[in-house]
Amino acid sequence: SPLYKNTILQSDALQKLLGDDFDLHIAMRYWHPRAEDIIEKLKKNPPDQIVLLPLYPQFSTTTTGSSVDEWMDLQRKADLDIPVHYICCYPEDKGFVSAQAALLEDTLRANQKAVPYRVLFSAHGLPKRIVDGGDPYPKHVELTARAIVERLDQPSLDWRVCYQSRVGPVEWIKPYADDEIRLAGREGVSVVLVPLSFVSEHSETLIELDVEFKKIADASGVPLYLRVPTVGVAPSYIENLKDLVFQALVDSPLAISPKSTLCKKCISPCKGAYCA
């Protein structure tokens, strides 16, 4: 997967905007370098403050929440007494939304023969039991999709939100992306798929979306299947990340303790404007 390489590109682009007063580190969730690797580096050269910037635009307890909890727990155990500022989410932020909307518009402009088409906003799924327990993730996904649609300013746009990457026998949140692709085939409409919860290309976009879903689309009679790129290093997205970092530094730091994930925009435990 090119995820780490693409994350480096995003980090380098953000570093240029933030300048020399900031030292950026990448902490991967399920690969190296892990959070503990970065904390070891910071122990040798401690900064004045830390900002945790998730590359998950939509908040979930399973992604941003668990990542921040892990960091705070590791930092406490390492006795690294440095203030930590935290960015929880940015599902409707202008820079992120405008970058994804522009990529969607570019795809449609280059493929006029796709008409009639349906835009499928596909996000990574979650087991239904997690959402039933109060996780705000699907609400954030809907917010992102609606913000992109509003940015496009096409009142008659045919669009839907769906979810991918389910595994195991448990029920996941619906509708499932593969079912929506099959439905589009039965209805004779082309599919334009937008991976709105992913900000860089990796196995779930390059394999699941570009290969596996393309096969489903072809087998289902979808006239044309198109996949919109992720935002990557789009200038407005990187500018958005810069603004988030500076805003986070204005907010009060977190307490150094486990399970201290505080949603700065939502107000823990996610009862604010985004998560209500």
C-alpha atoms as a PDB file:
ATOM      1  CA  SER A   1       0.000   0.000   0.000  1.00  0.00           C
ATOM      2  CA  PRO A   2       1.297   3.505  -0.826  1.00  0.00           C
ATOM      3  CA  LEU A   3      -0.389   4.975   2.259  1.00  0.00           C
ATOM      4  CA  TYR A   4       2.813   5.853   4.123  1.00  0.00           C
ATOM      5  CA  LYS A   5       4.463   7.340   1.052  1.00  0.00           C
ATOM      6  CA  ASN A   6       1.397   9.465   0.340  1.00  0.00           C
ATOM      7  CA  THR A   7       1.199  10.554   3.968  1.00  0.00           C
ATOM      8  CA  ILE A   8       4.805  11.748   3.726  1.00  0.00           C
ATOM      9  CA  LEU A   9       3.817  13.882   0.735  1.00  0.00           C
ATOM     10  CA  GLN A  10       1.000  15.426   2.774  1.00  0.00           C
ATOM     11  CA  SER A  11       3.321  16.009   5.717  1.00  0.00           C
ATOM     12  CA  ASP A  12       5.929  17.673   3.506  1.00  0.00           C
ATOM     13  CA  ALA A  13       3.300  19.942   1.927  1.00  0.00           C
ATOM     14  CA  LEU A  14       1.985  20.931   5.355  1.00  0.00           C
ATOM     15  CA  GLN A  15       5.510  21.524   6.670  1.00  0.00           C
ATOM     16  CA  LYS A  16       6.076  24.120   3.953  1.00  0.00           C
ATOM     17  CA  LEU A  17       3.006  26.051   5.082  1.00  0.00           C
ATOM     18  CA  LEU A  18       3.697  25.797   8.810  1.00  0.00           C
ATOM     19  CA  GLY A  19       7.338  26.795   8.572  1.00  0.00           C
ATOM     20  CA  ASP A  20      10.411  26.070  10.677  1.00  0.00           C
ATOM     21  CA  ASP A  21       8.705  26.628  14.030  1.00  0.00           C
ATOM     22  CA  PHE A  22       6.945  23.276  13.579  1.00  0.00           C
ATOM     23  CA  ASP A  23       8.448  19.799  13.446  1.00  0.00           C
ATOM     24  CA  LEU A  24       6.107  17.275  11.846  1.00  0.00           C
ATOM     25  CA  HIS A  25       6.056  13.557  12.644  1.00  0.00           C
ATOM     26  CA  ILE A  26       3.902  10.800  11.153  1.00  0.00           C
ATOM     27  CA  ALA A  27       2.394   8.234  13.538  1.00  0.00           C
ATOM     28  CA  MET A  28       0.635   5.383  11.729  1.00  0.00           C
ATOM     29  CA  ARG A  29      -2.196   3.497  13.379  1.00  0.00           C
ATOM     30  CA  TYR A  30      -1.449  -0.025  12.179  1.00  0.00           C
ATOM     31  CA  TRP A  31       2.046   0.233  10.705  1.00  0.00           C
ATOM     32  CA  HIS A  32       5.396   1.820  11.374  1.00  0.00           C
ATOM     33  CA  PRO A  33       6.228   4.358  12.606  1.00  0.00           C
ATOM     34  CA  ARG A  34       3.794   3.857  15.479  1.00  0.00           C
ATOM     35  CA  ALA A  35       2.906   6.351  18.190  1.00  0.00           C
ATOM     36  CA  GLU A  36       5.438   4.845  20.595  1.00  0.00           C
ATOM     37  CA  ASP A  37       8.207   5.363  18.018  1.00  0.00           C
ATOM     38  CA  ILE A  38       7.407   9.073  17.772  1.00  0.00           C
ATOM     39  CA  ILE A  39       7.201   9.480  21.546  1.00  0.00           C
ATOM     40  CA  GLU A  40      10.708   8.010  21.858  1.00  0.00           C
ATOM     41  CA  LYS A  41      11.919  10.661  19.403  1.00  0.00           C
ATOM     42  CA  LEU A  42      10.196  13.431  21.332  1.00  0.00           C
ATOM     43  CA  LYS A  43      11.769  12.291  24.598  1.00  0.00           C
ATOM     44  CA  LYS A  44      15.184  12.941  23.056  1.00  0.00           C
ATOM     45  CA  ASN A  45      14.211  16.328  21.645  1.00  0.00           C
ATOM     46  CA  PRO A  46      11.074  17.523  23.455  1.00  0.00           C
ATOM     47  CA  PRO A  47       8.986  20.293  21.867  1.00  0.00           C
ATOM     48  CA  ASP A  48       7.150  23.029  23.757  1.00  0.00           C
ATOM     49  CA  GLN A  49       3.729  21.761  22.657  1.00  0.00           C
ATOM     50  CA  ILE A  50       2.216  18.864  20.719  1.00  0.00           C
ATOM     51  CA  VAL A  51      -0.683  19.022  18.228  1.00  0.00           C
ATOM     52  CA  LEU A  52      -2.412  15.764  17.303  1.00  0.00           C
ATOM     53  CA  LEU A  53      -3.726  16.157  13.746  1.00  0.00           C
ATOM     54  CA  PRO A  54      -5.828  13.205  12.514  1.00  0.00           C
ATOM     55  CA  LEU A  55      -6.078  12.487   8.804  1.00  0.00           C
ATOM     56  CA  TYR A  56      -9.603  11.236   9.456  1.00  0.00           C
ATOM     57  CA  PRO A  57     -11.959  14.110   8.495  1.00  0.00           C
ATOM     58  CA  GLN A  58     -14.917  12.430  10.233  1.00  0.00           C
ATOM     59  CA  PHE A  59     -14.633  11.531  13.924  1.00  0.00           C
ATOM     60  CA  SER A  60     -15.118   7.972  15.128  1.00  0.00           C
ATOM     61  CA  THR A  61     -14.243   6.362  18.427  1.00  0.00           C
ATOM     62  CA  THR A  62     -12.604   3.589  16.381  1.00  0.00           C
ATOM     63  CA  THR A  63     -10.237   5.883  14.476  1.00  0.00           C
ATOM     64  CA  THR A  64      -9.454   9.342  15.843  1.00  0.00           C
ATOM     65  CA  GLY A  65     -10.797   8.505  19.286  1.00  0.00           C
ATOM     66  CA  SER A  66      -8.767   5.348  19.782  1.00  0.00           C
ATOM     67  CA  SER A  67      -5.660   6.919  18.228  1.00  0.00           C
ATOM     68  CA  VAL A  68      -5.731   9.893  20.582  1.00  0.00           C
ATOM     69  CA  ASP A  69      -6.445   7.646  23.573  1.00  0.00           C
ATOM     70  CA  GLU A  70      -3.449   5.510  22.625  1.00  0.00           C
ATOM     71  CA  TRP A  71      -1.195   8.560  22.294  1.00  0.00           C
ATOM     72  CA  MET A  72      -2.244  10.050  25.608  1.00  0.00           C
ATOM     73  CA  ASP A  73      -1.770   6.733  27.397  1.00  0.00           C
ATOM     74  CA  LEU A  74       1.695   6.230  25.892  1.00  0.00           C
ATOM     75  CA  GLN A  75       2.735   9.798  26.659  1.00  0.00           C
ATOM     76  CA  ARG A  76       1.638   9.427  30.264  1.00  0.00           C
ATOM     77  CA  LYS A  77       3.568   6.163  30.651  1.00  0.00           C
ATOM     78  CA  ALA A  78       6.639   7.812  29.096  1.00  0.00           C
ATOM     79  CA  ASP A  79       6.369  10.627  31.653  1.00  0.00           C
ATOM     80  CA  LEU A  80       6.516  13.128  28.805  1.00  0.00           C
ATOM     81  CA  ASP A  81       4.980  16.206  30.400  1.00  0.00           C
ATOM     82  CA  ILE A  82       4.258  18.318  27.316  1.00  0.00           C
ATOM     83  CA  PRO A  83       0.916  20.080  26.599  1.00  0.00           C
ATOM     84  CA  VAL A  84      -1.115  18.270  23.932  1.00  0.00           C
ATOM     85  CA  HIS A  85      -3.608  20.005  21.668  1.00  0.00           C
ATOM     86  CA  TYR A  86      -6.061  17.927  19.710  1.00  0.00           C
ATOM     87  CA  ILE A  87      -8.056  18.278  16.483  1.00  0.00           C
ATOM     88  CA  CYS A  88     -11.085  16.012  16.541  1.00  0.00           C
ATOM     89  CA  CYS A  89     -12.672  16.368  13.115  1.00  0.00           C
ATOM     90  CA  TYR A  90     -13.321  18.575  10.101  1.00  0.00           C
ATOM     91  CA  PRO A  91     -16.230  17.006   8.168  1.00  0.00           C
ATOM     92  CA  GLU A  92     -17.528  20.298   6.771  1.00  0.00           C
ATOM     93  CA  ASP A  93     -14.390  22.434   6.654  1.00  0.00           C
ATOM     94  CA  LYS A  94     -14.229  24.564   3.535  1.00  0.00           C
ATOM     95  CA  GLY A  95     -10.744  23.570   2.395  1.00  0.00           C
ATOM     96  CA  PHE A  96     -11.369  19.844   2.657  1.00  0.00           C
ATOM     97  CA  VAL A  97     -14.829  20.046   1.077  1.00  0.00           C
ATOM     98  CA  SER A  98     -13.775  22.320  -1.770  1.00  0.00           C
ATOM     99  CA  ALA A  99     -10.844  20.041  -2.631  1.00  0.00           C
ATOM    100  CA  GLN A 100     -13.065  16.953  -2.847  1.00  0.00           C
ATOM    101  CA  ALA A 101     -15.786  18.833  -4.745  1.00  0.00           C
ATOM    102  CA  ALA A 102     -13.261  20.084  -7.298  1.00  0.00           C
ATOM    103  CA  LEU A 103     -11.991  16.548  -7.901  1.00  0.00           C
ATOM    104  CA  LEU A 104     -15.561  15.365  -8.410  1.00  0.00           C
ATOM    105  CA  GLU A 105     -16.252  18.196 -10.855  1.00  0.00           C
ATOM    106  CA  ASP A 106     -13.054  17.403 -12.775  1.00  0.00           C
ATOM    107  CA  THR A 107     -14.064  13.755 -13.084  1.00  0.00           C
ATOM    108  CA  LEU A 108     -17.533  14.629 -14.360  1.00  0.00           C
ATOM    109  CA  ARG A 109     -16.176  17.239 -16.787  1.00  0.00           C
ATOM    110  CA  ALA A 110     -13.781  14.712 -18.293  1.00  0.00           C
ATOM    111  CA  ASN A 111     -16.476  12.054 -18.674  1.00  0.00           C
ATOM    112  CA  GLN A 112     -19.538  13.675 -20.221  1.00  0.00           C
ATOM    113  CA  LYS A 113     -20.659  10.278 -21.554  1.00  0.00           C
ATOM    114  CA  ALA A 114     -21.354   9.181 -17.969  1.00  0.00           C
ATOM    115  CA  VAL A 115     -24.803  10.833 -18.077  1.00  0.00           C
ATOM    116  CA  PRO A 116     -27.113   9.775 -16.521  1.00  0.00           C
ATOM    117  CA  TYR A 117     -25.025   9.114 -13.453  1.00  0.00           C
ATOM    118  CA  ARG A 118     -25.339   8.652  -9.717  1.00  0.00           C
ATOM    119  CA  VAL A 119     -22.740   9.916  -7.270  1.00  0.00           C
ATOM    120  CA  LEU A 120     -21.970   7.419  -4.522  1.00  0.00           C
ATOM    121  CA  PHE A 121     -20.179   8.929  -1.553  1.00  0.00           C
ATOM    122  CA  SER A 122     -18.418   5.896  -0.118  1.00  0.00           C
ATOM    123  CA  ALA A 123     -16.979   5.834   3.391  1.00  0.00           C
ATOM    124  CA  HIS A 124     -15.288   3.131   5.431  1.00  0.00           C
ATOM    125  CA  GLY A 125     -17.973   1.194   7.281  1.00  0.00           C
ATOM    126  CA  LEU A 126     -18.396   0.407  10.964  1.00  0.00           C
ATOM    127  CA  PRO A 127     -20.150  -2.428  12.769  1.00  0.00           C
ATOM    128  CA  LYS A 128     -23.706  -1.330  13.515  1.00  0.00           C
ATOM    129  CA  ARG A 129     -23.316  -2.023  17.232  1.00  0.00           C
ATOM    130  CA  ILE A 130     -20.651   0.702  17.487  1.00  0.00           C
ATOM    131  CA  VAL A 131     -22.947   3.287  15.912  1.00  0.00           C
ATOM    132  CA  ASP A 132     -25.852   2.094  18.057  1.00  0.00           C
ATOM    133  CA  GLY A 133     -23.594   2.785  21.036  1.00  0.00           C
ATOM    134  CA  GLY A 134     -23.399   6.466  20.114  1.00  0.00           C
ATOM    135  CA  ASP A 135     -20.509   6.779  17.663  1.00  0.00           C
ATOM    136  CA  PRO A 136     -21.119   9.980  15.600  1.00  0.00           C
ATOM    137  CA  TYR A 137     -19.272   8.778  12.489  1.00  0.00           C
ATOM    138  CA  PRO A 138     -22.257   8.289  10.119  1.00  0.00           C
ATOM    139  CA  LYS A 139     -23.543  11.756  10.994  1.00  0.00           C
ATOM    140  CA  HIS A 140     -20.167  13.215  10.083  1.00  0.00           C
ATOM    141  CA  VAL A 141     -20.130  11.284   6.798  1.00  0.00           C
ATOM    142  CA  GLU A 142     -23.548  12.699   5.920  1.00  0.00           C
ATOM    143  CA  LEU A 143     -22.321  16.193   6.785  1.00  0.00           C
ATOM    144  CA  THR A 144     -19.373  15.828   4.421  1.00  0.00           C
ATOM    145  CA  ALA A 145     -21.508  14.485   1.581  1.00  0.00           C
ATOM    146  CA  ARG A 146     -24.074  17.276   1.929  1.00  0.00           C
ATOM    147  CA  ALA A 147     -21.360  19.922   2.080  1.00  0.00           C
ATOM    148  CA  ILE A 148     -19.827  18.619  -1.154  1.00  0.00           C
ATOM    149  CA  VAL A 149     -23.222  18.550  -2.862  1.00  0.00           C
ATOM    150  CA  GLU A 150     -23.936  22.110  -1.742  1.00  0.00           C
ATOM    151  CA  ARG A 151     -20.553  23.160  -3.088  1.00  0.00           C
ATOM    152  CA  LEU A 152     -21.415  21.650  -6.485  1.00  0.00           C
ATOM    153  CA  ASP A 153     -24.680  23.634  -6.601  1.00  0.00           C
ATOM    154  CA  GLN A 154     -26.519  21.028  -8.694  1.00  0.00           C
ATOM    155  CA  PRO A 155     -30.042  20.768  -7.202  1.00  0.00           C
ATOM    156  CA  SER A 156     -30.996  17.766  -9.356  1.00  0.00           C
ATOM    157  CA  LEU A 157     -27.860  15.758  -8.544  1.00  0.00           C
ATOM    158  CA  ASP A 158     -28.558  12.064  -7.935  1.00  0.00           C
ATOM    159  CA  TRP A 159     -26.404  11.134  -4.942  1.00  0.00           C
ATOM    160  CA  ARG A 160     -26.272   8.719  -2.035  1.00  0.00           C
ATOM    161  CA  VAL A 161     -24.034   7.830   0.897  1.00  0.00           C
ATOM    162  CA  CYS A 162     -22.865   4.234   1.259  1.00  0.00           C
ATOM    163  CA  TYR A 163     -20.278   2.223   3.177  1.00  0.00           C
ATOM    164  CA  GLN A 164     -17.486  -0.147   2.179  1.00  0.00           C
ATOM    165  CA  SER A 165     -14.829  -2.449   3.665  1.00  0.00           C
ATOM    166  CA  ARG A 166     -17.060  -4.581   5.869  1.00  0.00           C
ATOM    167  CA  VAL A 167     -15.606  -7.819   7.209  1.00  0.00           C
ATOM    168  CA  GLY A 168     -16.828 -10.660   9.403  1.00  0.00           C
ATOM    169  CA  PRO A 169     -20.308 -11.977  10.168  1.00  0.00           C
ATOM    170  CA  VAL A 170     -21.624  -8.988  12.182  1.00  0.00           C
ATOM    171  CA  GLU A 171     -23.994  -6.415  10.725  1.00  0.00           C
ATOM    172  CA  TRP A 172     -22.349  -3.221   9.470  1.00  0.00           C
ATOM    173  CA  ILE A 173     -23.935   0.161   8.818  1.00  0.00           C
ATOM    174  CA  LYS A 174     -25.863   0.394   5.564  1.00  0.00           C
ATOM    175  CA  PRO A 175     -26.348   0.894   2.700  1.00  0.00           C
ATOM    176  CA  TYR A 176     -23.432  -1.193   1.480  1.00  0.00           C
ATOM    177  CA  ALA A 177     -21.478   0.274  -1.439  1.00  0.00           C
ATOM    178  CA  ASP A 178     -21.485  -2.960  -3.458  1.00  0.00           C
ATOM    179  CA  ASP A 179     -25.279  -3.189  -3.152  1.00  0.00           C
ATOM    180  CA  GLU A 180     -25.613   0.402  -4.371  1.00  0.00           C
ATOM    181  CA  ILE A 181     -23.435  -0.375  -7.389  1.00  0.00           C
ATOM    182  CA  ARG A 182     -25.616  -3.368  -8.270  1.00  0.00           C
ATOM    183  CA  LEU A 183     -28.721  -1.205  -7.897  1.00  0.00           C
ATOM    184  CA  ALA A 184     -27.260   1.378 -10.272  1.00  0.00           C
ATOM    185  CA  GLY A 185     -26.712  -1.397 -12.791  1.00  0.00           C
ATOM    186  CA  ARG A 186     -30.329  -2.515 -12.558  1.00  0.00           C
ATOM    187  CA  GLU A 187     -31.462   1.078 -13.017  1.00  0.00           C
ATOM    188  CA  GLY A 188     -29.111   1.696 -15.934  1.00  0.00           C
ATOM    189  CA  VAL A 189     -27.197   4.634 -14.451  1.00  0.00           C
ATOM    190  CA  SER A 190     -23.465   5.219 -14.378  1.00  0.00           C
ATOM    191  CA  VAL A 191     -21.638   5.372 -11.045  1.00  0.00           C
ATOM    192  CA  VAL A 192     -19.292   8.134  -9.939  1.00  0.00           C
ATOM    193  CA  LEU A 193     -17.774   6.999  -6.647  1.00  0.00           C
ATOM    194  CA  VAL A 194     -16.279   9.515  -4.206  1.00  0.00           C
ATOM    195  CA  PRO A 195     -14.124   8.081  -1.357  1.00  0.00           C
ATOM    196  CA  LEU A 196     -14.993  10.896   1.027  1.00  0.00           C
ATOM    197  CA  SER A 197     -13.571   9.362   4.226  1.00  0.00           C
ATOM    198  CA  PHE A 198     -10.132   8.696   2.725  1.00  0.00           C
ATOM    199  CA  VAL A 199      -7.659  11.527   2.169  1.00  0.00           C
ATOM    200  CA  SER A 200      -4.927   9.587   0.360  1.00  0.00           C
ATOM    201  CA  GLU A 201      -4.656   6.632  -1.995  1.00  0.00           C
ATOM    202  CA  HIS A 202      -4.051   3.216  -0.429  1.00  0.00           C
ATOM    203  CA  SER A 203      -5.228  -0.390  -0.687  1.00  0.00           C
ATOM    204  CA  GLU A 204      -8.870   0.393   0.058  1.00  0.00           C
ATOM    205  CA  THR A 205      -9.064   2.864  -2.826  1.00  0.00           C
ATOM    206  CA  LEU A 206      -6.678   1.229  -5.287  1.00  0.00           C
ATOM    207  CA  ILE A 207      -7.851  -2.356  -4.750  1.00  0.00           C
ATOM    208  CA  GLU A 208     -11.343  -2.346  -3.281  1.00  0.00           C
ATOM    209  CA  LEU A 209     -12.651   0.634  -5.250  1.00  0.00           C
ATOM    210  CA  ASP A 210     -10.636   0.478  -8.465  1.00  0.00           C
ATOM    211  CA  VAL A 211     -10.508  -3.290  -8.920  1.00  0.00           C
ATOM    212  CA  GLU A 212     -13.141  -5.105  -6.861  1.00  0.00           C
ATOM    213  CA  PHE A 213     -15.936  -2.553  -7.219  1.00  0.00           C
ATOM    214  CA  LYS A 214     -15.124  -2.088 -10.917  1.00  0.00           C
ATOM    215  CA  LYS A 215     -15.674  -5.824 -11.405  1.00  0.00           C
ATOM    216  CA  ILE A 216     -19.014  -5.600  -9.591  1.00  0.00           C
ATOM    217  CA  ALA A 217     -20.011  -2.625 -11.743  1.00  0.00           C
ATOM    218  CA  ASP A 218     -19.130  -4.417 -14.974  1.00  0.00           C
ATOM    219  CA  ALA A 219     -20.930  -7.590 -13.903  1.00  0.00           C
ATOM    220  CA  SER A 220     -23.994  -5.574 -12.857  1.00  0.00           C
ATOM    221  CA  GLY A 221     -24.371  -3.717 -16.138  1.00  0.00           C
ATOM    222  CA  VAL A 222     -23.335  -0.295 -14.891  1.00  0.00           C
ATOM    223  CA  PRO A 223     -22.836   1.763 -18.106  1.00  0.00           C
ATOM    224  CA  LEU A 224     -19.738   3.552 -16.802  1.00  0.00           C
ATOM    225  CA  TYR A 225     -17.915   3.296 -13.480  1.00  0.00           C
ATOM    226  CA  LEU A 226     -15.760   6.233 -12.419  1.00  0.00           C
ATOM    227  CA  ARG A 227     -13.770   6.724  -9.240  1.00  0.00           C
ATOM    228  CA  VAL A 228     -12.887  10.215  -8.028  1.00  0.00           C
ATOM    229  CA  PRO A 229      -9.370  10.635  -6.557  1.00  0.00           C
ATOM    230  CA  THR A 230      -8.754  11.348  -2.880  1.00  0.00           C
ATOM    231  CA  VAL A 231      -7.802  14.892  -1.853  1.00  0.00           C
ATOM    232  CA  GLY A 232      -4.127  14.003  -1.344  1.00  0.00           C
ATOM    233  CA  VAL A 233      -2.050  17.191  -1.418  1.00  0.00           C
ATOM    234  CA  ALA A 234      -4.716  19.429  -2.941  1.00  0.00           C
ATOM    235  CA  PRO A 235      -3.697  22.968  -1.907  1.00  0.00           C
ATOM    236  CA  SER A 236      -7.007  23.879  -0.267  1.00  0.00           C
ATOM    237  CA  TYR A 237      -6.906  20.697   1.823  1.00  0.00           C
ATOM    238  CA  ILE A 238      -3.348  21.270   3.025  1.00  0.00           C
ATOM    239  CA  GLU A 239      -4.237  24.896   3.779  1.00  0.00           C
ATOM    240  CA  ASN A 240      -7.196  23.591   5.783  1.00  0.00           C
ATOM    241  CA  LEU A 241      -4.875  21.373   7.823  1.00  0.00           C
ATOM    242  CA  LYS A 242      -2.599  24.347   8.515  1.00  0.00           C
ATOM    243  CA  ASP A 243      -5.551  26.379   9.792  1.00  0.00           C
ATOM    244  CA  LEU A 244      -6.629  23.487  12.019  1.00  0.00           C
ATOM    245  CA  VAL A 245      -3.174  23.293  13.594  1.00  0.00           C
ATOM    246  CA  PHE A 246      -3.121  26.991  14.430  1.00  0.00           C
ATOM    247  CA  GLN A 247      -6.661  26.849  15.807  1.00  0.00           C
ATOM    248  CA  ALA A 248      -5.780  23.829  17.959  1.00  0.00           C
ATOM    249  CA  LEU A 249      -2.973  25.792  19.591  1.00  0.00           C
ATOM    250  CA  VAL A 250      -5.531  28.361  20.734  1.00  0.00           C
ATOM    251  CA  ASP A 251      -7.595  25.660  22.462  1.00  0.00           C
ATOM    252  CA  SER A 252      -6.772  24.376  25.938  1.00  0.00           C
ATOM    253  CA  PRO A 253      -4.514  21.303  25.990  1.00  0.00           C
ATOM    254  CA  LEU A 254      -5.702  17.862  27.042  1.00  0.00           C
ATOM    255  CA  ALA A 255      -4.987  16.324  30.408  1.00  0.00           C
ATOM    256  CA  ILE A 256      -2.228  13.714  30.346  1.00  0.00           C
ATOM    257  CA  SER A 257      -4.332  10.692  31.214  1.00  0.00           C
ATOM    258  CA  PRO A 258      -5.757   7.661  29.456  1.00  0.00           C
ATOM    259  CA  LYS A 259      -9.187   7.892  27.813  1.00  0.00           C
ATOM    260  CA  SER A 260      -8.909  11.674  27.636  1.00  0.00           C
ATOM    261  CA  THR A 261     -10.208  12.046  24.104  1.00  0.00           C
ATOM    262  CA  LEU A 262     -12.035  15.365  24.145  1.00  0.00           C
ATOM    263  CA  CYS A 263     -13.909  16.441  21.061  1.00  0.00           C
ATOM    264  CA  LYS A 264     -13.010  20.107  20.725  1.00  0.00           C
ATOM    265  CA  LYS A 265     -15.714  20.850  18.154  1.00  0.00           C
ATOM    266  CA  CYS A 266     -18.269  18.396  19.467  1.00  0.00           C
ATOM    267  CA  ILE A 267     -17.695  18.882  23.205  1.00  0.00           C
ATOM    268  CA  SER A 268     -17.103  15.485  24.792  1.00  0.00           C
ATOM    269  CA  PRO A 269     -18.873  13.100  24.636  1.00  0.00           C
ATOM    270  CA  CYS A 270     -19.913  14.433  21.219  1.00  0.00           C
ATOM    271  CA  LYS A 271     -23.042  16.418  22.058  1.00  0.00           C
ATOM    272  CA  GLY A 272     -22.295  19.565  20.104  1.00  0.00           C
ATOM    273  CA  ALA A 273     -23.093  20.922  16.665  1.00  0.00           C
ATOM    274  CA  TYR A 274     -21.501  18.079  14.731  1.00  0.00           C
ATOM    275  CA  CYS A 275     -22.553  15.160  16.896  1.00  0.00           C
ATOM    276  CA  ALA A 276     -25.924  16.139  18.344  1.00  0.00           C
END
